[in-house]
Amino acid sequence: MSVRITVVNHADVEIACPPASVWRDMLEAFVHGASLDRQGYRTAPLMEDPAALLGGYRVSLQDAQGQSTDVLIVRITERDDDAMRLGLWVEYLEPAVLAQVVHTGCQAVVVACGTRYYTYTHSTFNVNPSARDDVAGAAAAFKRTTAASLDERLAAMKARLEKLA
């Protein structure tokens, strides 16, 4: 029996550069898909998707044999230029067994030393537990993995933007 769970992560980092620079990077990374392109994914705009009101793209990653190993749809759900805030809805089509959907957002906020970049994720996916403890273990493991990934991504963003500042 499959159980559907949601795991929430939050992360932030202070970046010593102007908020406008962080906002431009956010737009390039998430509205145009550059952060995924840098990781080797291919992105294609969702041209005729009526649910992509603010835009979006289809993303795929292929292995050495040309087989798709990771396929997802990204739709922009919020873009507030004044608040420098973005929202995204991501549906993972492969691997299908997880049926994973992620609601994520990020925001650049002015602080004394430059910008504080905030992000959060609400990841919903299937687990196949053999006992109740398996569900808690799966959630904890996913939360740790996601936290490490967010920390790594934010550290790279900080280094890249501060180098350009």
C-alpha atoms as a PDB file:
ATOM      1  CA  MET A   1       0.000   0.000   0.000  1.00  0.00           C
ATOM      2  CA  SER A   2       1.331   3.408  -0.971  1.00  0.00           C
ATOM      3  CA  VAL A   3       1.206   6.365   1.428  1.00  0.00           C
ATOM      4  CA  ARG A   4       1.325   9.958   0.178  1.00  0.00           C
ATOM      5  CA  ILE A   5       3.371  12.307   2.394  1.00  0.00           C
ATOM      6  CA  THR A   6       4.562  15.913   2.275  1.00  0.00           C
ATOM      7  CA  VAL A   7       7.949  17.084   3.519  1.00  0.00           C
ATOM      8  CA  VAL A   8       8.721  20.783   4.039  1.00  0.00           C
ATOM      9  CA  ASN A   9      12.155  22.409   3.891  1.00  0.00           C
ATOM     10  CA  HIS A  10      13.260  26.015   4.436  1.00  0.00           C
ATOM     11  CA  ALA A  11      16.654  27.565   3.736  1.00  0.00           C
ATOM     12  CA  ASP A  12      18.190  31.022   3.485  1.00  0.00           C
ATOM     13  CA  VAL A  13      21.514  32.719   2.925  1.00  0.00           C
ATOM     14  CA  GLU A  14      22.879  36.265   3.089  1.00  0.00           C
ATOM     15  CA  ILE A  15      24.536  37.389  -0.120  1.00  0.00           C
ATOM     16  CA  ALA A  16      26.832  40.425  -0.212  1.00  0.00           C
ATOM     17  CA  CYS A  17      25.452  41.936  -3.397  1.00  0.00           C
ATOM     18  CA  PRO A  18      22.514  44.151  -4.368  1.00  0.00           C
ATOM     19  CA  PRO A  19      19.014  42.632  -4.300  1.00  0.00           C
ATOM     20  CA  ALA A  20      18.538  43.502  -7.981  1.00  0.00           C
ATOM     21  CA  SER A  21      21.454  41.186  -8.841  1.00  0.00           C
ATOM     22  CA  VAL A  22      19.922  38.336  -6.828  1.00  0.00           C
ATOM     23  CA  TRP A  23      16.515  38.954  -8.443  1.00  0.00           C
ATOM     24  CA  ARG A  24      18.025  38.832 -11.964  1.00  0.00           C
ATOM     25  CA  ASP A  25      19.728  35.551 -11.044  1.00  0.00           C
ATOM     26  CA  MET A  26      16.447  34.147  -9.686  1.00  0.00           C
ATOM     27  CA  LEU A  27      14.631  35.046 -12.921  1.00  0.00           C
ATOM     28  CA  GLU A  28      17.368  33.530 -15.063  1.00  0.00           C
ATOM     29  CA  ALA A  29      17.548  30.389 -12.916  1.00  0.00           C
ATOM     30  CA  PHE A  30      13.865  29.661 -12.430  1.00  0.00           C
ATOM     31  CA  VAL A  31      11.844  31.539 -15.045  1.00  0.00           C
ATOM     32  CA  HIS A  32      14.255  30.686 -17.871  1.00  0.00           C
ATOM     33  CA  GLY A  33      15.517  27.371 -16.442  1.00  0.00           C
ATOM     34  CA  ALA A  34      19.235  28.254 -16.394  1.00  0.00           C
ATOM     35  CA  SER A  35      19.816  26.527 -13.034  1.00  0.00           C
ATOM     36  CA  LEU A  36      18.669  23.249 -14.591  1.00  0.00           C
ATOM     37  CA  ASP A  37      20.651  23.857 -17.792  1.00  0.00           C
ATOM     38  CA  ARG A  38      23.796  24.220 -15.637  1.00  0.00           C
ATOM     39  CA  GLN A  39      23.081  20.757 -14.187  1.00  0.00           C
ATOM     40  CA  GLY A  40      22.874  19.125 -17.625  1.00  0.00           C
ATOM     41  CA  TYR A  41      19.092  19.122 -18.013  1.00  0.00           C
ATOM     42  CA  ARG A  42      17.387  20.120 -21.249  1.00  0.00           C
ATOM     43  CA  THR A  43      14.581  22.645 -20.991  1.00  0.00           C
ATOM     44  CA  ALA A  44      11.827  23.419 -23.484  1.00  0.00           C
ATOM     45  CA  PRO A  45       9.218  26.158 -22.955  1.00  0.00           C
ATOM     46  CA  LEU A  46       5.599  25.123 -22.349  1.00  0.00           C
ATOM     47  CA  MET A  47       4.149  26.975 -25.307  1.00  0.00           C
ATOM     48  CA  GLU A  48       0.586  25.649 -25.345  1.00  0.00           C
ATOM     49  CA  ASP A  49      -0.036  24.607 -21.742  1.00  0.00           C
ATOM     50  CA  PRO A  50      -3.103  26.529 -20.502  1.00  0.00           C
ATOM     51  CA  ALA A  51      -2.041  25.878 -16.871  1.00  0.00           C
ATOM     52  CA  ALA A  52       1.262  27.720 -17.414  1.00  0.00           C
ATOM     53  CA  LEU A  53      -0.321  31.152 -17.056  1.00  0.00           C
ATOM     54  CA  LEU A  54       2.955  32.819 -16.070  1.00  0.00           C
ATOM     55  CA  GLY A  55       5.165  30.513 -18.132  1.00  0.00           C
ATOM     56  CA  GLY A  56       6.932  27.260 -17.580  1.00  0.00           C
ATOM     57  CA  TYR A  57       9.005  24.560 -19.206  1.00  0.00           C
ATOM     58  CA  ARG A  58       9.457  20.835 -19.608  1.00  0.00           C
ATOM     59  CA  VAL A  59      12.741  19.500 -18.274  1.00  0.00           C
ATOM     60  CA  SER A  60      14.526  16.248 -19.060  1.00  0.00           C
ATOM     61  CA  LEU A  61      17.782  14.560 -18.162  1.00  0.00           C
ATOM     62  CA  GLN A  62      19.146  11.717 -20.244  1.00  0.00           C
ATOM     63  CA  ASP A  63      21.653   9.019 -19.391  1.00  0.00           C
ATOM     64  CA  ALA A  64      24.626   8.038 -21.589  1.00  0.00           C
ATOM     65  CA  GLN A  65      22.354   5.787 -23.688  1.00  0.00           C
ATOM     66  CA  GLY A  66      19.934   8.642 -24.405  1.00  0.00           C
ATOM     67  CA  GLN A  67      17.201   7.320 -22.105  1.00  0.00           C
ATOM     68  CA  SER A  68      15.245   9.847 -20.030  1.00  0.00           C
ATOM     69  CA  THR A  69      16.036   9.361 -16.352  1.00  0.00           C
ATOM     70  CA  ASP A  70      14.397  12.478 -14.948  1.00  0.00           C
ATOM     71  CA  VAL A  71      11.467  14.298 -16.559  1.00  0.00           C
ATOM     72  CA  LEU A  72       9.538  17.144 -14.979  1.00  0.00           C
ATOM     73  CA  ILE A  73       7.176  19.989 -15.748  1.00  0.00           C
ATOM     74  CA  VAL A  74       7.800  23.395 -14.141  1.00  0.00           C
ATOM     75  CA  ARG A  75       5.059  26.026 -14.023  1.00  0.00           C
ATOM     76  CA  ILE A  76       5.609  29.505 -12.628  1.00  0.00           C
ATOM     77  CA  THR A  77       2.791  30.187 -10.150  1.00  0.00           C
ATOM     78  CA  GLU A  78       3.890  33.559  -8.798  1.00  0.00           C
ATOM     79  CA  ARG A  79       6.101  36.343 -10.060  1.00  0.00           C
ATOM     80  CA  ASP A  80       6.103  39.515  -7.997  1.00  0.00           C
ATOM     81  CA  ASP A  81       8.763  41.871  -9.340  1.00  0.00           C
ATOM     82  CA  ASP A  82       8.198  44.442  -6.578  1.00  0.00           C
ATOM     83  CA  ALA A  83       8.588  41.891  -3.760  1.00  0.00           C
ATOM     84  CA  MET A  84      11.271  39.980  -5.742  1.00  0.00           C
ATOM     85  CA  ARG A  85       9.388  36.729  -5.104  1.00  0.00           C
ATOM     86  CA  LEU A  86       8.813  33.658  -7.287  1.00  0.00           C
ATOM     87  CA  GLY A  87       6.623  30.600  -6.867  1.00  0.00           C
ATOM     88  CA  LEU A  88       6.929  27.366  -8.825  1.00  0.00           C
ATOM     89  CA  TRP A  89       4.904  24.162  -9.155  1.00  0.00           C
ATOM     90  CA  VAL A  90       6.993  21.188 -10.266  1.00  0.00           C
ATOM     91  CA  GLU A  91       5.593  17.814 -11.316  1.00  0.00           C
ATOM     92  CA  TYR A  92       8.049  14.934 -11.663  1.00  0.00           C
ATOM     93  CA  LEU A  93       6.918  12.590 -14.442  1.00  0.00           C
ATOM     94  CA  GLU A  94       9.922  10.256 -14.053  1.00  0.00           C
ATOM     95  CA  PRO A  95      10.506   8.385 -11.883  1.00  0.00           C
ATOM     96  CA  ALA A  96       6.738   7.880 -11.979  1.00  0.00           C
ATOM     97  CA  VAL A  97       6.620   5.642  -8.900  1.00  0.00           C
ATOM     98  CA  LEU A  98       7.086   8.637  -6.583  1.00  0.00           C
ATOM     99  CA  ALA A  99       4.377  10.749  -8.276  1.00  0.00           C
ATOM    100  CA  GLN A 100       6.282  13.696  -6.796  1.00  0.00           C
ATOM    101  CA  VAL A 101       4.929  17.246  -6.851  1.00  0.00           C
ATOM    102  CA  VAL A 102       6.853  20.167  -5.364  1.00  0.00           C
ATOM    103  CA  HIS A 103       5.555  23.619  -4.515  1.00  0.00           C
ATOM    104  CA  THR A 104       8.527  25.907  -4.047  1.00  0.00           C
ATOM    105  CA  GLY A 105       9.168  29.588  -3.676  1.00  0.00           C
ATOM    106  CA  CYS A 106      12.011  31.998  -3.229  1.00  0.00           C
ATOM    107  CA  GLN A 107      12.438  35.653  -2.391  1.00  0.00           C
ATOM    108  CA  ALA A 108      15.221  38.234  -2.312  1.00  0.00           C
ATOM    109  CA  VAL A 109      14.939  40.597   0.671  1.00  0.00           C
ATOM    110  CA  VAL A 110      17.000  43.724   1.298  1.00  0.00           C
ATOM    111  CA  VAL A 111      19.241  43.485   4.397  1.00  0.00           C
ATOM    112  CA  ALA A 112      22.041  45.708   5.714  1.00  0.00           C
ATOM    113  CA  CYS A 113      24.847  43.712   4.076  1.00  0.00           C
ATOM    114  CA  GLY A 114      23.076  43.156   0.734  1.00  0.00           C
ATOM    115  CA  THR A 115      20.392  40.512   0.243  1.00  0.00           C
ATOM    116  CA  ARG A 116      18.874  37.632   2.158  1.00  0.00           C
ATOM    117  CA  TYR A 117      17.681  34.898  -0.183  1.00  0.00           C
ATOM    118  CA  TYR A 118      14.885  32.709   1.220  1.00  0.00           C
ATOM    119  CA  THR A 119      13.551  29.505  -0.260  1.00  0.00           C
ATOM    120  CA  TYR A 120      11.134  26.776   0.777  1.00  0.00           C
ATOM    121  CA  THR A 121       9.852  23.514  -0.674  1.00  0.00           C
ATOM    122  CA  HIS A 122       6.738  21.461   0.004  1.00  0.00           C
ATOM    123  CA  SER A 123       7.485  18.073  -1.579  1.00  0.00           C
ATOM    124  CA  THR A 124       4.627  15.577  -1.862  1.00  0.00           C
ATOM    125  CA  PHE A 125       5.390  12.011  -2.940  1.00  0.00           C
ATOM    126  CA  ASN A 126       4.523   8.338  -2.460  1.00  0.00           C
ATOM    127  CA  VAL A 127       6.273   5.927  -0.122  1.00  0.00           C
ATOM    128  CA  ASN A 128       5.592   2.209   0.179  1.00  0.00           C
ATOM    129  CA  PRO A 129       6.006   1.430   3.875  1.00  0.00           C
ATOM    130  CA  SER A 130       6.023  -1.973   5.473  1.00  0.00           C
ATOM    131  CA  ALA A 131       5.469  -0.334   8.877  1.00  0.00           C
ATOM    132  CA  ARG A 132       4.529   3.087  10.271  1.00  0.00           C
ATOM    133  CA  ASP A 133       8.155   3.760  11.203  1.00  0.00           C
ATOM    134  CA  ASP A 134       9.049   3.400   7.516  1.00  0.00           C
ATOM    135  CA  VAL A 135       6.975   6.490   6.702  1.00  0.00           C
ATOM    136  CA  ALA A 136       8.720   8.594   9.351  1.00  0.00           C
ATOM    137  CA  GLY A 137      12.105   7.273   8.233  1.00  0.00           C
ATOM    138  CA  ALA A 138      11.395   8.042   4.581  1.00  0.00           C
ATOM    139  CA  ALA A 139      10.245  11.559   5.465  1.00  0.00           C
ATOM    140  CA  ALA A 140      13.320  12.211   7.628  1.00  0.00           C
ATOM    141  CA  ALA A 141      15.699  10.897   4.966  1.00  0.00           C
ATOM    142  CA  PHE A 142      14.038  12.981   2.246  1.00  0.00           C
ATOM    143  CA  LYS A 143      14.146  16.084   4.466  1.00  0.00           C
ATOM    144  CA  ARG A 144      17.892  15.588   5.132  1.00  0.00           C
ATOM    145  CA  THR A 145      18.667  15.031   1.445  1.00  0.00           C
ATOM    146  CA  THR A 146      16.645  18.069   0.382  1.00  0.00           C
ATOM    147  CA  ALA A 147      18.222  20.257   3.088  1.00  0.00           C
ATOM    148  CA  ALA A 148      21.712  19.261   1.939  1.00  0.00           C
ATOM    149  CA  SER A 149      20.789  19.966  -1.682  1.00  0.00           C
ATOM    150  CA  LEU A 150      19.334  23.380  -0.814  1.00  0.00           C
ATOM    151  CA  ASP A 151      22.395  24.286   1.285  1.00  0.00           C
ATOM    152  CA  GLU A 152      24.696  23.290  -1.572  1.00  0.00           C
ATOM    153  CA  ARG A 153      22.655  25.244  -4.126  1.00  0.00           C
ATOM    154  CA  LEU A 154      22.547  28.354  -1.925  1.00  0.00           C
ATOM    155  CA  ALA A 155      26.292  28.209  -1.226  1.00  0.00           C
ATOM    156  CA  ALA A 156      26.997  27.991  -4.967  1.00  0.00           C
ATOM    157  CA  MET A 157      24.610  30.870  -5.675  1.00  0.00           C
ATOM    158  CA  LYS A 158      26.230  33.000  -2.971  1.00  0.00           C
ATOM    159  CA  ALA A 159      29.747  32.307  -4.273  1.00  0.00           C
ATOM    160  CA  ARG A 160      28.756  32.990  -7.895  1.00  0.00           C
ATOM    161  CA  LEU A 161      26.932  36.247  -7.144  1.00  0.00           C
ATOM    162  CA  GLU A 162      29.503  37.601  -4.679  1.00  0.00           C
ATOM    163  CA  LYS A 163      32.254  36.909  -7.209  1.00  0.00           C
ATOM    164  CA  LEU A 164      30.372  39.032  -9.759  1.00  0.00           C
ATOM    165  CA  ALA A 165      29.615  41.854  -7.288  1.00  0.00           C
END
